[in-house]
Amino acid sequence: MTETEFIEQLKNQTSAAYGKLLEDFQQKVFGTCLSFVPNKQDAEDIAQEVFVEVFNSINKFKGQSKLSTWIYRIATNKCLEFIRKGKAKKRFAFLQSLSGNDYNLDKASYFTEINHPGLVMEQKETSETLFLAINKLPEAQRIVFTLNKIDDKSYKEISEITKKSIGSIESLLFRAKKNLQIILKEFYKNHN
């Protein structure tokens, strides 16, 4: 079945199309959600919202990008919406205290999925520190860094998802790396 036929089936809201949508994208969307919100339950909840949104708004899909790009854009936006609304803030309160004394606040209760498929780290604590640092980045840098370095998306894919130029993506990625160096240097200076 072609992508156009698949989209038509989704627009007709057939259960077979919804099943194929889940089969083709469930793990990928969950992985993207996990990249932004490293808690299994929250990532699952967000992924579920993504599929409800895709199914409910498929008629708004204009076909100006690939279906997968549109789905990743929805997933990224849902994750950012989740973070912005502060749904995670109660359990994520320690993010602001990355370089403070109360770093050990309850990080173990939030980072349930540090073994993200896109991250190969030797120690869980190193992964936690990296996620904490990434979440201190300005939003545009955080999105680009997460999609590129954790989700392994190409500049072209990120450009399509974020609707930013490749030059802008490169610039944001460069600034994100510089800012992460500063954040991590400060963190390790305060926690040694």
Protein backbone atom coordinates (compact mmCIF):
# COMPACT_ATOMS: atom_id res chain seq x y z
CA MET A 1 0.00 0.00 0.00
CA THR A 2 1.35 3.44 -0.90
CA GLU A 3 1.61 6.25 1.64
CA THR A 4 -1.21 8.07 -0.18
CA GLU A 5 -3.49 5.02 0.11
CA PHE A 6 -2.55 4.63 3.76
CA ILE A 7 -3.37 8.28 4.47
CA GLU A 8 -6.73 7.86 2.70
CA GLN A 9 -7.50 4.87 4.92
CA LEU A 10 -6.55 6.90 7.99
CA LYS A 11 -8.84 9.70 6.82
CA ASN A 12 -11.63 7.14 6.48
CA GLN A 13 -10.78 6.08 10.06
CA THR A 14 -10.61 2.37 9.36
CA SER A 15 -9.48 0.20 12.24
CA ALA A 16 -7.02 -1.54 9.90
CA ALA A 17 -5.37 1.82 9.17
CA TYR A 18 -5.14 2.64 12.87
CA GLY A 19 -3.63 -0.79 13.51
CA LYS A 20 -1.04 -0.23 10.78
CA LEU A 21 -0.30 3.25 12.16
CA LEU A 22 0.43 1.77 15.58
CA GLU A 23 2.42 -1.12 14.11
CA ASP A 24 4.58 1.18 11.98
CA PHE A 25 5.10 4.05 14.43
CA GLN A 26 4.43 2.95 18.02
CA GLN A 27 8.04 2.13 18.98
CA LYS A 28 9.48 5.11 17.06
CA VAL A 29 7.09 7.60 18.66
CA PHE A 30 7.64 6.07 22.10
CA GLY A 31 11.42 6.36 21.57
CA THR A 32 11.07 10.03 20.64
CA CYS A 33 8.89 10.70 23.69
CA LEU A 34 11.42 8.90 25.87
CA SER A 35 14.16 11.14 24.48
CA PHE A 36 12.39 14.21 25.80
CA VAL A 37 10.74 12.76 28.91
CA PRO A 38 12.84 9.86 30.27
CA ASN A 39 10.06 8.31 32.33
CA LYS A 40 8.39 5.20 30.90
CA GLN A 41 4.86 5.93 32.10
CA ASP A 42 4.90 9.59 31.04
CA ALA A 43 6.44 8.71 27.66
CA GLU A 44 3.75 6.05 27.11
CA ASP A 45 1.00 8.54 28.02
CA ILE A 46 2.42 11.16 25.65
CA ALA A 47 2.81 8.58 22.85
CA GLN A 48 -0.82 7.60 23.30
CA GLU A 49 -1.82 11.29 23.02
CA VAL A 50 0.25 11.51 19.83
CA PHE A 51 -1.70 8.69 18.19
CA VAL A 52 -5.04 10.11 19.28
CA GLU A 53 -3.98 13.48 17.81
CA VAL A 54 -2.78 11.86 14.56
CA PHE A 55 -6.02 9.93 14.16
CA ASN A 56 -8.23 12.93 15.06
CA SER A 57 -6.39 15.45 12.91
CA ILE A 58 -5.35 13.35 9.90
CA ASN A 59 -7.77 15.39 7.78
CA LYS A 60 -5.58 18.45 8.47
CA PHE A 61 -2.54 16.65 7.03
CA LYS A 62 -1.83 18.44 3.75
CA GLY A 63 0.85 16.08 2.46
CA GLN A 64 3.51 18.81 2.32
CA SER A 65 5.86 16.50 4.19
CA LYS A 66 6.08 12.77 4.69
CA LEU A 67 3.54 11.30 7.10
CA SER A 68 6.38 10.22 9.42
CA THR A 69 7.70 13.81 9.59
CA TRP A 70 4.24 15.08 10.50
CA ILE A 71 3.92 12.41 13.21
CA TYR A 72 7.36 13.27 14.67
CA ARG A 73 6.39 16.96 14.69
CA ILE A 74 3.26 16.09 16.69
CA ALA A 75 5.30 13.89 19.06
CA THR A 76 7.89 16.62 19.63
CA ASN A 77 5.17 19.21 20.25
CA LYS A 78 3.29 16.93 22.65
CA CYS A 79 6.50 16.33 24.63
CA LEU A 80 7.24 20.04 24.82
CA GLU A 81 3.64 20.75 25.80
CA PHE A 82 3.97 18.16 28.58
CA ILE A 83 7.19 19.75 29.84
CA ARG A 84 5.82 23.32 29.54
CA LYS A 85 2.58 22.54 31.35
CA GLY A 86 4.66 21.45 34.29
CA LYS A 87 3.05 18.01 34.41
CA ALA A 88 6.52 16.69 35.02
CA LYS A 89 7.58 19.58 37.23
CA LYS A 90 6.60 17.88 40.48
CA ARG A 91 8.86 14.95 39.77
CA PHE A 92 11.21 17.04 37.68
CA ALA A 93 11.75 19.77 40.30
CA PHE A 94 15.38 18.79 40.66
CA LEU A 95 16.09 19.96 37.11
CA GLN A 96 16.45 23.50 38.33
CA SER A 97 18.83 22.37 41.03
CA LEU A 98 21.30 20.73 38.66
CA SER A 99 24.15 22.76 40.04
CA GLY A 100 22.64 23.16 43.51
CA ASN A 101 23.17 21.15 46.67
CA ASP A 102 19.92 19.22 46.51
CA TYR A 103 20.79 17.37 43.30
CA ASN A 104 19.90 13.98 44.80
CA LEU A 105 16.32 15.13 45.39
CA ASP A 106 14.35 12.28 43.96
CA LYS A 107 15.98 11.68 40.62
CA ALA A 108 15.65 7.91 40.97
CA SER A 109 11.87 8.18 40.98
CA TYR A 110 11.73 9.99 37.63
CA PHE A 111 14.42 8.46 35.44
CA THR A 112 12.84 5.08 34.86
CA GLU A 113 14.15 4.76 31.32
CA ILE A 114 17.76 5.77 31.30
CA ASN A 115 18.60 2.82 29.07
CA HIS A 116 17.10 4.65 26.11
CA PRO A 117 17.94 2.86 22.85
CA GLY A 118 19.64 6.01 21.52
CA LEU A 119 21.94 6.34 24.49
CA VAL A 120 24.71 3.95 25.27
CA MET A 121 26.16 5.02 28.58
CA GLU A 122 28.24 3.08 31.00
CA GLN A 123 26.59 4.46 34.10
CA LYS A 124 23.00 5.33 34.90
CA GLU A 125 24.11 8.41 36.81
CA THR A 126 26.00 9.75 33.79
CA SER A 127 22.84 9.37 31.71
CA GLU A 128 20.76 11.13 34.36
CA THR A 129 23.23 14.00 34.47
CA LEU A 130 23.13 14.29 30.69
CA PHE A 131 19.31 14.39 30.62
CA LEU A 132 19.32 17.00 33.37
CA ALA A 133 21.81 19.10 31.41
CA ILE A 134 19.88 18.75 28.14
CA ASN A 135 16.75 19.96 29.89
CA LYS A 136 18.55 23.15 30.95
CA LEU A 137 19.15 24.09 27.30
CA PRO A 138 16.95 26.71 25.63
CA GLU A 139 13.98 24.95 24.01
CA ALA A 140 15.10 25.25 20.36
CA GLN A 141 18.56 23.87 21.22
CA ARG A 142 17.05 21.08 23.33
CA ILE A 143 14.78 19.98 20.47
CA VAL A 144 17.56 19.92 17.87
CA PHE A 145 20.08 18.24 20.19
CA THR A 146 17.59 15.60 21.33
CA LEU A 147 16.39 14.77 17.83
CA ASN A 148 19.96 14.60 16.46
CA LYS A 149 22.04 13.07 19.22
CA ILE A 150 19.50 10.92 21.06
CA ASP A 151 16.94 10.08 18.37
CA ASP A 152 19.61 9.91 15.64
CA LYS A 153 17.67 12.05 13.16
CA SER A 154 19.53 13.64 10.24
CA TYR A 155 19.73 17.41 9.77
CA LYS A 156 17.27 17.06 6.88
CA GLU A 157 14.76 15.15 9.04
CA ILE A 158 15.13 17.68 11.88
CA SER A 159 14.64 20.50 9.40
CA GLU A 160 11.40 18.92 8.21
CA ILE A 161 10.16 18.21 11.76
CA THR A 162 10.99 21.67 13.15
CA LYS A 163 10.43 23.66 9.95
CA LYS A 164 13.86 25.29 10.39
CA SER A 165 16.60 25.58 7.78
CA ILE A 166 19.55 23.19 7.87
CA GLY A 167 21.82 26.19 8.59
CA SER A 168 19.65 27.04 11.58
CA ILE A 169 19.77 23.40 12.75
CA GLU A 170 23.59 23.40 12.51
CA SER A 171 23.79 26.66 14.45
CA LEU A 172 21.41 25.45 17.16
CA LEU A 173 23.31 22.18 17.47
CA PHE A 174 26.64 24.02 17.75
CA ARG A 175 25.23 26.32 20.49
CA ALA A 176 23.62 23.36 22.28
CA LYS A 177 26.98 21.53 22.44
CA LYS A 178 28.73 24.68 23.75
CA ASN A 179 26.01 25.24 26.36
CA LEU A 180 26.11 21.59 27.43
CA GLN A 181 29.86 21.84 27.95
CA ILE A 182 29.32 24.85 30.22
CA ILE A 183 26.42 23.23 32.12
CA LEU A 184 28.29 19.93 32.62
CA LYS A 185 31.54 21.66 33.58
CA GLU A 186 29.63 23.66 36.21
CA PHE A 187 27.83 20.56 37.42
CA TYR A 188 31.00 18.52 37.87
CA LYS A 189 32.78 21.44 39.51
CA ASN A 190 29.98 21.58 42.11
CA HIS A 191 29.67 17.82 42.64
CA ASN A 192 33.22 16.65 43.04
